[in-house]
Amino acid sequence: MIDERDIFDLLITSQNNLRPSAARLWDAINIHPEAWEFTDSGRSEKRFWVVAILGRSAVWYNHIEEGYVLTPFSKWEKLERYEDAAMPLEYVIEQLLRNIEGEQKYSP
């Protein structure tokens, strides 16, 4: 897992690339980064930085794939699903925005 300073650096860079409507959504859903855990089929535990919450979905940084992911959660601080399809933060936020605006259905 990368350290907190590095996740802040990544977030600052990504935020600067958001278009205005996506930046407004980001302002509404971002949180102070929190380290959440994911347990792989009960075998190995990994921690990832969660950077935003919308409903029951978390936006988190996958340091293994070096990108952001949106997945559902049911318990705070517990990621339920590992995703290796990591993308730039701008893409994840735009995807959420299109879903909210009704232009595209998102199903994590």
N, C-alpha and C. Protein backbone atom coordinates (compact mmCIF):
# COMPACT_ATOMS: atom_id res chain seq x y z
N MET A 1 0.86 -1.18 0.00
CA MET A 1 0.00 0.00 0.00
C MET A 1 0.89 1.23 0.00
N ILE A 2 0.53 2.22 -0.81
CA ILE A 2 1.31 3.46 -0.82
C ILE A 2 1.00 4.26 0.45
N ASP A 3 1.86 5.20 0.79
CA ASP A 3 1.62 5.95 2.01
C ASP A 3 0.63 7.10 1.75
N GLU A 4 0.16 7.69 2.84
CA GLU A 4 -0.88 8.72 2.76
C GLU A 4 -0.44 9.93 1.95
N ARG A 5 0.79 10.31 2.09
CA ARG A 5 1.30 11.46 1.34
C ARG A 5 1.21 11.21 -0.17
N ASP A 6 1.56 9.99 -0.58
CA ASP A 6 1.50 9.65 -2.01
C ASP A 6 0.08 9.66 -2.54
N ILE A 7 -0.88 9.18 -1.75
CA ILE A 7 -2.28 9.19 -2.24
C ILE A 7 -2.76 10.62 -2.38
N PHE A 8 -2.37 11.51 -1.47
CA PHE A 8 -2.75 12.91 -1.60
C PHE A 8 -2.14 13.53 -2.86
N ASP A 9 -0.90 13.23 -3.14
CA ASP A 9 -0.26 13.73 -4.36
C ASP A 9 -1.00 13.26 -5.61
N LEU A 10 -1.36 11.99 -5.64
CA LEU A 10 -2.11 11.45 -6.78
C LEU A 10 -3.47 12.12 -6.92
N LEU A 11 -4.14 12.35 -5.79
CA LEU A 11 -5.46 12.98 -5.83
C LEU A 11 -5.39 14.41 -6.35
N ILE A 12 -4.40 15.15 -5.90
CA ILE A 12 -4.25 16.54 -6.35
C ILE A 12 -4.06 16.58 -7.86
N THR A 13 -3.21 15.72 -8.37
CA THR A 13 -2.98 15.67 -9.82
C THR A 13 -4.26 15.32 -10.56
N SER A 14 -4.99 14.32 -10.07
CA SER A 14 -6.22 13.89 -10.73
C SER A 14 -7.32 14.94 -10.66
N GLN A 15 -7.45 15.61 -9.53
CA GLN A 15 -8.49 16.63 -9.38
C GLN A 15 -8.31 17.75 -10.39
N ASN A 16 -7.08 18.06 -10.70
CA ASN A 16 -6.82 19.14 -11.66
C ASN A 16 -7.28 18.79 -13.07
N ASN A 17 -7.53 17.52 -13.33
CA ASN A 17 -7.95 17.08 -14.66
C ASN A 17 -9.47 16.94 -14.80
N LEU A 18 -10.22 17.20 -13.72
CA LEU A 18 -11.67 17.05 -13.77
C LEU A 18 -12.31 18.26 -14.45
N ARG A 19 -13.32 17.99 -15.29
CA ARG A 19 -14.08 19.11 -15.86
C ARG A 19 -15.00 19.64 -14.76
N PRO A 20 -15.56 20.86 -14.92
CA PRO A 20 -16.30 21.50 -13.81
C PRO A 20 -17.43 20.66 -13.20
N SER A 21 -18.28 20.03 -13.99
CA SER A 21 -19.38 19.25 -13.40
C SER A 21 -18.85 18.04 -12.65
N ALA A 22 -17.82 17.40 -13.15
CA ALA A 22 -17.21 16.26 -12.46
C ALA A 22 -16.53 16.73 -11.17
N ALA A 23 -15.93 17.91 -11.20
CA ALA A 23 -15.28 18.47 -10.00
C ALA A 23 -16.32 18.74 -8.91
N ARG A 24 -17.51 19.20 -9.30
CA ARG A 24 -18.57 19.43 -8.31
C ARG A 24 -19.01 18.11 -7.68
N LEU A 25 -19.14 17.07 -8.49
CA LEU A 25 -19.48 15.76 -7.93
C LEU A 25 -18.37 15.28 -6.99
N TRP A 26 -17.13 15.42 -7.43
CA TRP A 26 -15.99 15.03 -6.60
C TRP A 26 -16.03 15.75 -5.25
N ASP A 27 -16.31 17.04 -5.27
CA ASP A 27 -16.38 17.81 -4.03
C ASP A 27 -17.45 17.26 -3.08
N ALA A 28 -18.53 16.72 -3.64
CA ALA A 28 -19.62 16.20 -2.83
C ALA A 28 -19.35 14.81 -2.26
N ILE A 29 -18.53 14.00 -2.93
CA ILE A 29 -18.38 12.60 -2.51
C ILE A 29 -17.02 12.24 -1.93
N ASN A 30 -16.01 13.10 -2.12
CA ASN A 30 -14.67 12.71 -1.65
C ASN A 30 -14.60 12.75 -0.13
N ILE A 31 -13.75 11.90 0.40
CA ILE A 31 -13.51 11.84 1.84
C ILE A 31 -12.00 11.93 2.07
N HIS A 32 -11.64 12.20 3.31
CA HIS A 32 -10.22 12.09 3.68
C HIS A 32 -9.85 10.63 3.45
N PRO A 33 -8.81 10.33 2.71
CA PRO A 33 -8.49 8.93 2.41
C PRO A 33 -8.43 8.05 3.66
N GLU A 34 -9.08 6.89 3.55
CA GLU A 34 -9.11 5.91 4.63
C GLU A 34 -8.62 4.58 4.11
N ALA A 35 -7.83 3.89 4.90
CA ALA A 35 -7.34 2.56 4.53
C ALA A 35 -8.41 1.53 4.87
N TRP A 36 -8.96 0.91 3.82
CA TRP A 36 -9.96 -0.15 4.00
C TRP A 36 -9.31 -1.47 3.64
N GLU A 37 -9.89 -2.55 4.15
CA GLU A 37 -9.30 -3.86 3.89
C GLU A 37 -10.15 -4.67 2.92
N PHE A 38 -9.46 -5.52 2.23
CA PHE A 38 -10.07 -6.52 1.36
C PHE A 38 -9.42 -7.85 1.69
N THR A 39 -10.23 -8.85 1.95
CA THR A 39 -9.69 -10.18 2.23
C THR A 39 -10.01 -11.09 1.05
N ASP A 40 -8.99 -11.63 0.46
CA ASP A 40 -9.10 -12.47 -0.72
C ASP A 40 -9.50 -13.89 -0.33
N SER A 41 -10.78 -14.19 -0.44
CA SER A 41 -11.32 -15.53 -0.13
C SER A 41 -10.83 -16.05 1.22
N GLY A 42 -10.69 -15.15 2.18
CA GLY A 42 -10.28 -15.55 3.51
C GLY A 42 -8.82 -15.87 3.67
N ARG A 43 -8.02 -15.66 2.63
CA ARG A 43 -6.61 -16.04 2.69
C ARG A 43 -5.71 -14.87 3.03
N SER A 44 -5.64 -13.90 2.13
CA SER A 44 -4.71 -12.80 2.37
C SER A 44 -5.46 -11.48 2.45
N GLU A 45 -5.03 -10.65 3.37
CA GLU A 45 -5.66 -9.36 3.59
C GLU A 45 -4.82 -8.27 2.95
N LYS A 46 -5.47 -7.39 2.23
CA LYS A 46 -4.80 -6.25 1.62
C LYS A 46 -5.54 -4.99 2.03
N ARG A 47 -4.82 -3.88 2.04
CA ARG A 47 -5.44 -2.60 2.38
C ARG A 47 -5.30 -1.65 1.19
N PHE A 48 -6.37 -0.87 0.98
CA PHE A 48 -6.41 0.08 -0.13
C PHE A 48 -7.00 1.39 0.38
N TRP A 49 -6.59 2.49 -0.26
CA TRP A 49 -7.08 3.81 0.11
C TRP A 49 -8.45 4.06 -0.54
N VAL A 50 -9.48 4.25 0.29
CA VAL A 50 -10.79 4.69 -0.19
C VAL A 50 -10.77 6.21 -0.17
N VAL A 51 -11.18 6.81 -1.31
CA VAL A 51 -11.07 8.27 -1.45
C VAL A 51 -12.41 8.96 -1.65
N ALA A 52 -13.48 8.19 -1.91
CA ALA A 52 -14.81 8.77 -2.09
C ALA A 52 -15.87 7.72 -1.83
N ILE A 53 -17.05 8.21 -1.39
CA ILE A 53 -18.19 7.34 -1.11
C ILE A 53 -19.41 7.96 -1.77
N LEU A 54 -20.17 7.11 -2.47
CA LEU A 54 -21.45 7.53 -3.03
C LEU A 54 -22.44 6.41 -2.75
N GLY A 55 -23.37 6.66 -1.85
CA GLY A 55 -24.31 5.61 -1.46
C GLY A 55 -23.57 4.45 -0.82
N ARG A 56 -23.72 3.28 -1.42
CA ARG A 56 -23.05 2.08 -0.92
C ARG A 56 -21.91 1.65 -1.84
N SER A 57 -21.33 2.61 -2.53
CA SER A 57 -20.18 2.35 -3.40
C SER A 57 -18.99 3.18 -2.94
N ALA A 58 -17.82 2.58 -3.06
CA ALA A 58 -16.58 3.24 -2.65
C ALA A 58 -15.67 3.40 -3.86
N VAL A 59 -15.05 4.57 -3.96
CA VAL A 59 -14.00 4.80 -4.96
C VAL A 59 -12.70 4.61 -4.21
N TRP A 60 -11.85 3.69 -4.71
CA TRP A 60 -10.60 3.39 -4.02
C TRP A 60 -9.45 3.28 -4.99
N TYR A 61 -8.26 3.51 -4.46
CA TYR A 61 -7.06 3.45 -5.28
C TYR A 61 -6.44 2.06 -5.19
N ASN A 62 -6.31 1.41 -6.34
CA ASN A 62 -5.68 0.11 -6.41
C ASN A 62 -4.20 0.33 -6.73
N HIS A 63 -3.37 0.27 -5.70
CA HIS A 63 -1.94 0.53 -5.88
C HIS A 63 -1.25 -0.59 -6.65
N ILE A 64 -1.86 -1.74 -6.73
CA ILE A 64 -1.28 -2.85 -7.48
C ILE A 64 -1.41 -2.58 -8.99
N GLU A 65 -2.60 -2.11 -9.39
CA GLU A 65 -2.87 -1.81 -10.81
C GLU A 65 -2.63 -0.33 -11.14
N GLU A 66 -2.39 0.49 -10.11
CA GLU A 66 -2.12 1.92 -10.26
C GLU A 66 -3.26 2.69 -10.92
N GLY A 67 -4.45 2.52 -10.36
CA GLY A 67 -5.62 3.26 -10.84
C GLY A 67 -6.75 3.16 -9.84
N TYR A 68 -7.86 3.82 -10.16
CA TYR A 68 -9.00 3.89 -9.26
C TYR A 68 -10.09 2.92 -9.69
N VAL A 69 -10.87 2.49 -8.70
CA VAL A 69 -11.91 1.50 -8.91
C VAL A 69 -13.15 1.93 -8.12
N LEU A 70 -14.32 1.59 -8.63
CA LEU A 70 -15.57 1.81 -7.93
C LEU A 70 -16.21 0.45 -7.68
N THR A 71 -16.42 0.11 -6.41
CA THR A 71 -17.06 -1.15 -6.07
C THR A 71 -18.03 -0.95 -4.91
N PRO A 72 -19.01 -1.83 -4.79
CA PRO A 72 -19.96 -1.73 -3.67
C PRO A 72 -19.34 -2.19 -2.35
N PHE A 73 -19.95 -1.76 -1.27
CA PHE A 73 -19.56 -2.24 0.06
C PHE A 73 -20.81 -2.31 0.91
N SER A 74 -20.79 -3.17 1.91
CA SER A 74 -21.92 -3.24 2.84
C SER A 74 -21.49 -2.93 4.27
N LYS A 75 -20.19 -3.07 4.55
CA LYS A 75 -19.65 -2.72 5.87
C LYS A 75 -18.56 -1.68 5.69
N TRP A 76 -18.62 -0.65 6.53
CA TRP A 76 -17.62 0.40 6.49
C TRP A 76 -16.24 -0.21 6.73
N GLU A 77 -15.27 0.23 5.95
CA GLU A 77 -13.88 -0.20 6.03
C GLU A 77 -13.63 -1.61 5.51
N LYS A 78 -14.59 -2.19 4.78
CA LYS A 78 -14.42 -3.53 4.20
C LYS A 78 -14.82 -3.48 2.72
N LEU A 79 -13.84 -3.65 1.85
CA LEU A 79 -14.13 -3.75 0.42
C LEU A 79 -14.57 -5.18 0.13
N GLU A 80 -15.63 -5.31 -0.64
CA GLU A 80 -16.20 -6.63 -0.89
C GLU A 80 -15.64 -7.31 -2.12
N ARG A 81 -15.11 -6.53 -3.02
CA ARG A 81 -14.70 -7.11 -4.29
C ARG A 81 -13.42 -6.43 -4.78
N TYR A 82 -12.50 -7.25 -5.23
CA TYR A 82 -11.27 -6.73 -5.82
C TYR A 82 -11.50 -6.53 -7.31
N GLU A 83 -11.06 -5.40 -7.82
CA GLU A 83 -11.16 -5.12 -9.24
C GLU A 83 -9.76 -4.80 -9.76
N ASP A 84 -9.39 -5.43 -10.85
CA ASP A 84 -8.09 -5.12 -11.44
C ASP A 84 -8.24 -4.20 -12.65
N ALA A 85 -9.46 -3.78 -12.94
CA ALA A 85 -9.71 -2.87 -14.06
C ALA A 85 -9.60 -1.43 -13.57
N ALA A 86 -8.46 -1.06 -13.04
CA ALA A 86 -8.24 0.26 -12.48
C ALA A 86 -8.13 1.31 -13.59
N MET A 87 -8.71 2.49 -13.33
CA MET A 87 -8.73 3.57 -14.31
C MET A 87 -8.30 4.88 -13.65
N PRO A 88 -8.05 5.89 -14.47
CA PRO A 88 -7.77 7.21 -13.89
C PRO A 88 -8.99 7.70 -13.10
N LEU A 89 -8.75 8.48 -12.07
CA LEU A 89 -9.84 9.01 -11.25
C LEU A 89 -10.84 9.77 -12.10
N GLU A 90 -10.36 10.53 -13.06
CA GLU A 90 -11.26 11.33 -13.90
C GLU A 90 -12.29 10.44 -14.59
N TYR A 91 -11.86 9.28 -15.04
CA TYR A 91 -12.75 8.36 -15.74
C TYR A 91 -13.82 7.83 -14.79
N VAL A 92 -13.42 7.45 -13.58
CA VAL A 92 -14.37 6.91 -12.61
C VAL A 92 -15.40 7.96 -12.23
N ILE A 93 -14.98 9.18 -12.00
CA ILE A 93 -15.91 10.25 -11.62
C ILE A 93 -16.84 10.59 -12.79
N GLU A 94 -16.31 10.64 -14.00
CA GLU A 94 -17.15 10.88 -15.18
C GLU A 94 -18.19 9.77 -15.35
N GLN A 95 -17.79 8.54 -15.09
CA GLN A 95 -18.69 7.40 -15.18
C GLN A 95 -19.84 7.57 -14.17
N LEU A 96 -19.51 7.96 -12.95
CA LEU A 96 -20.53 8.21 -11.93
C LEU A 96 -21.46 9.35 -12.34
N LEU A 97 -20.88 10.40 -12.87
CA LEU A 97 -21.67 11.56 -13.28
C LEU A 97 -22.66 11.19 -14.38
N ARG A 98 -22.21 10.43 -15.37
CA ARG A 98 -23.12 9.99 -16.44
C ARG A 98 -24.25 9.13 -15.88
N ASN A 99 -23.93 8.32 -14.89
CA ASN A 99 -24.95 7.49 -14.27
C ASN A 99 -25.99 8.36 -13.55
N ILE A 100 -25.54 9.34 -12.79
CA ILE A 100 -26.44 10.23 -12.06
C ILE A 100 -27.31 11.02 -13.03
N GLU A 101 -26.72 11.48 -14.12
CA GLU A 101 -27.46 12.26 -15.10
C GLU A 101 -28.35 11.40 -15.98
N GLY A 102 -28.30 10.09 -15.80
CA GLY A 102 -29.15 9.19 -16.54
C GLY A 102 -28.68 8.84 -17.93
N GLU A 103 -27.45 9.21 -18.26
CA GLU A 103 -26.91 8.94 -19.59
C GLU A 103 -26.38 7.52 -19.72
N GLN A 104 -26.09 6.88 -18.61
CA GLN A 104 -25.51 5.54 -18.64
C GLN A 104 -25.81 4.87 -17.33
N LYS A 105 -26.21 3.63 -17.40
CA LYS A 105 -26.46 2.88 -16.17
C LYS A 105 -25.14 2.31 -15.67
N TYR A 106 -24.87 2.50 -14.39
CA TYR A 106 -23.65 1.94 -13.80
C TYR A 106 -24.06 0.82 -12.86
N SER A 107 -23.42 -0.31 -12.98
CA SER A 107 -23.67 -1.41 -12.03
C SER A 107 -22.33 -1.95 -11.57
N PRO A 108 -21.95 -1.60 -10.34
CA PRO A 108 -20.66 -2.07 -9.82
C PRO A 108 -20.61 -3.57 -9.65
